Amino acid sequence: MINVLIHHEVADYSAWKIAFDSSFDWRRKYGELNCRIFRDAGNVNDLTLIFEWESLEKARAFIASDELKAKMAGAGVKGAPRVDFLTEVHSVRRSAAD
């Protein structure tokens, strides 16, 4: 499994979210396993997304696709996103017992 971190600004979060949600099945078809969306505390249109993807190869192919570029433009993504492909090295999960 690979993690993909994407950071970009959108013109309008609400409009972007509708477009994002409508692409759920399309992203899953290309290997998305999970996604978390974060907004900057001072700018609701400045987004960071963290995806879990089936493989690095599928994630890279998806990110490079013309279809994704068109969907992002249609959703109001401003400029080129920052994209990082990450592998988890260490994770700590806290519980009430800690």
Protein backbone atom coordinates (compact mmCIF):
# COMPACT_ATOMS: atom_id res chain seq x y z
CA MET A 1 0.00 0.00 0.00
CA ILE A 2 1.12 3.55 -0.76
CA ASN A 3 0.02 6.87 0.71
CA VAL A 4 -0.52 9.85 -1.54
CA LEU A 5 -0.48 13.35 -0.09
CA ILE A 6 -2.03 16.07 -2.27
CA HIS A 7 -2.07 19.74 -1.41
CA HIS A 8 -3.93 22.31 -3.50
CA GLU A 9 -6.18 25.33 -3.28
CA VAL A 10 -9.70 25.34 -4.71
CA ALA A 11 -11.92 28.22 -5.79
CA ASP A 12 -14.85 27.07 -3.64
CA TYR A 13 -14.72 24.16 -1.19
CA SER A 14 -18.43 23.34 -1.41
CA ALA A 15 -18.37 23.09 -5.21
CA TRP A 16 -15.10 21.12 -5.12
CA LYS A 17 -16.54 18.67 -2.57
CA ILE A 18 -19.55 17.91 -4.77
CA ALA A 19 -17.22 17.09 -7.68
CA PHE A 20 -14.91 15.08 -5.41
CA ASP A 21 -17.77 13.02 -3.99
CA SER A 22 -19.18 12.33 -7.46
CA SER A 23 -15.86 10.70 -8.40
CA PHE A 24 -15.82 8.17 -5.54
CA ASP A 25 -16.41 5.07 -7.72
CA TRP A 26 -14.01 6.33 -10.40
CA ARG A 27 -11.18 6.77 -7.89
CA ARG A 28 -11.87 3.37 -6.31
CA LYS A 29 -11.70 1.75 -9.75
CA TYR A 30 -8.16 3.10 -10.08
CA GLY A 31 -6.98 1.85 -6.69
CA GLU A 32 -8.05 4.30 -3.98
CA LEU A 33 -8.59 2.52 -0.66
CA ASN A 34 -9.17 5.43 1.70
CA CYS A 35 -9.10 9.22 1.78
CA ARG A 36 -8.93 11.92 4.45
CA ILE A 37 -9.53 15.60 3.70
CA PHE A 38 -8.01 18.42 5.75
CA ARG A 39 -8.58 22.17 5.41
CA ASP A 40 -6.17 24.88 6.50
CA ALA A 41 -7.37 26.39 9.79
CA GLY A 42 -7.25 29.87 8.27
CA ASN A 43 -8.40 29.16 4.70
CA VAL A 44 -11.23 26.71 4.02
CA ASN A 45 -10.23 26.49 0.35
CA ASP A 46 -6.64 25.36 1.07
CA LEU A 47 -6.82 21.56 1.13
CA THR A 48 -4.57 18.65 2.00
CA LEU A 49 -5.77 15.17 1.08
CA ILE A 50 -4.20 11.93 2.28
CA PHE A 51 -5.09 8.84 0.28
CA GLU A 52 -4.25 5.19 0.74
CA TRP A 53 -3.72 3.58 -2.66
CA GLU A 54 -3.36 -0.09 -3.67
CA SER A 55 0.10 0.36 -5.19
CA LEU A 56 2.64 2.99 -6.18
CA GLU A 57 2.21 2.09 -9.85
CA LYS A 58 -1.57 2.59 -9.76
CA ALA A 59 -1.24 5.82 -7.78
CA ARG A 60 1.32 7.28 -10.19
CA ALA A 61 -0.79 6.32 -13.21
CA PHE A 62 -3.89 7.89 -11.65
CA ILE A 63 -2.12 11.15 -10.75
CA ALA A 64 -0.62 11.41 -14.26
CA SER A 65 -3.93 10.78 -16.04
CA ASP A 66 -5.45 13.40 -18.30
CA GLU A 67 -8.86 12.46 -16.88
CA LEU A 68 -7.77 13.52 -13.38
CA LYS A 69 -6.38 16.81 -14.70
CA ALA A 70 -9.71 17.54 -16.43
CA LYS A 71 -11.74 16.62 -13.32
CA MET A 72 -9.56 18.81 -11.10
CA ALA A 73 -9.90 21.78 -13.46
CA GLY A 74 -13.66 21.29 -13.58
CA ALA A 75 -13.82 21.13 -9.78
CA GLY A 76 -12.06 24.48 -9.42
CA VAL A 77 -8.57 23.41 -8.38
CA LYS A 78 -6.30 26.45 -8.64
CA GLY A 79 -2.86 25.81 -10.09
CA ALA A 80 -0.83 22.64 -10.02
CA PRO A 81 -1.19 20.49 -6.90
CA ARG A 82 1.71 19.35 -4.78
CA VAL A 83 1.76 15.54 -4.84
CA ASP A 84 3.92 13.30 -2.65
CA PHE A 85 4.01 9.49 -2.69
CA LEU A 86 4.77 8.18 0.79
CA THR A 87 5.37 4.87 2.50
CA GLU A 88 4.61 4.58 6.21
CA VAL A 89 7.62 3.84 8.37
CA HIS A 90 6.14 4.08 11.84
CA SER A 91 2.73 4.63 13.38
CA VAL A 92 1.62 5.12 16.98
CA ARG A 93 -2.02 4.71 17.92
CA ARG A 94 -2.92 6.04 21.35
CA SER A 95 -5.76 4.73 23.48
CA ALA A 96 -7.42 5.75 26.73
CA ALA A 97 -5.28 3.12 28.48
CA ASP A 98 -2.02 4.96 27.63
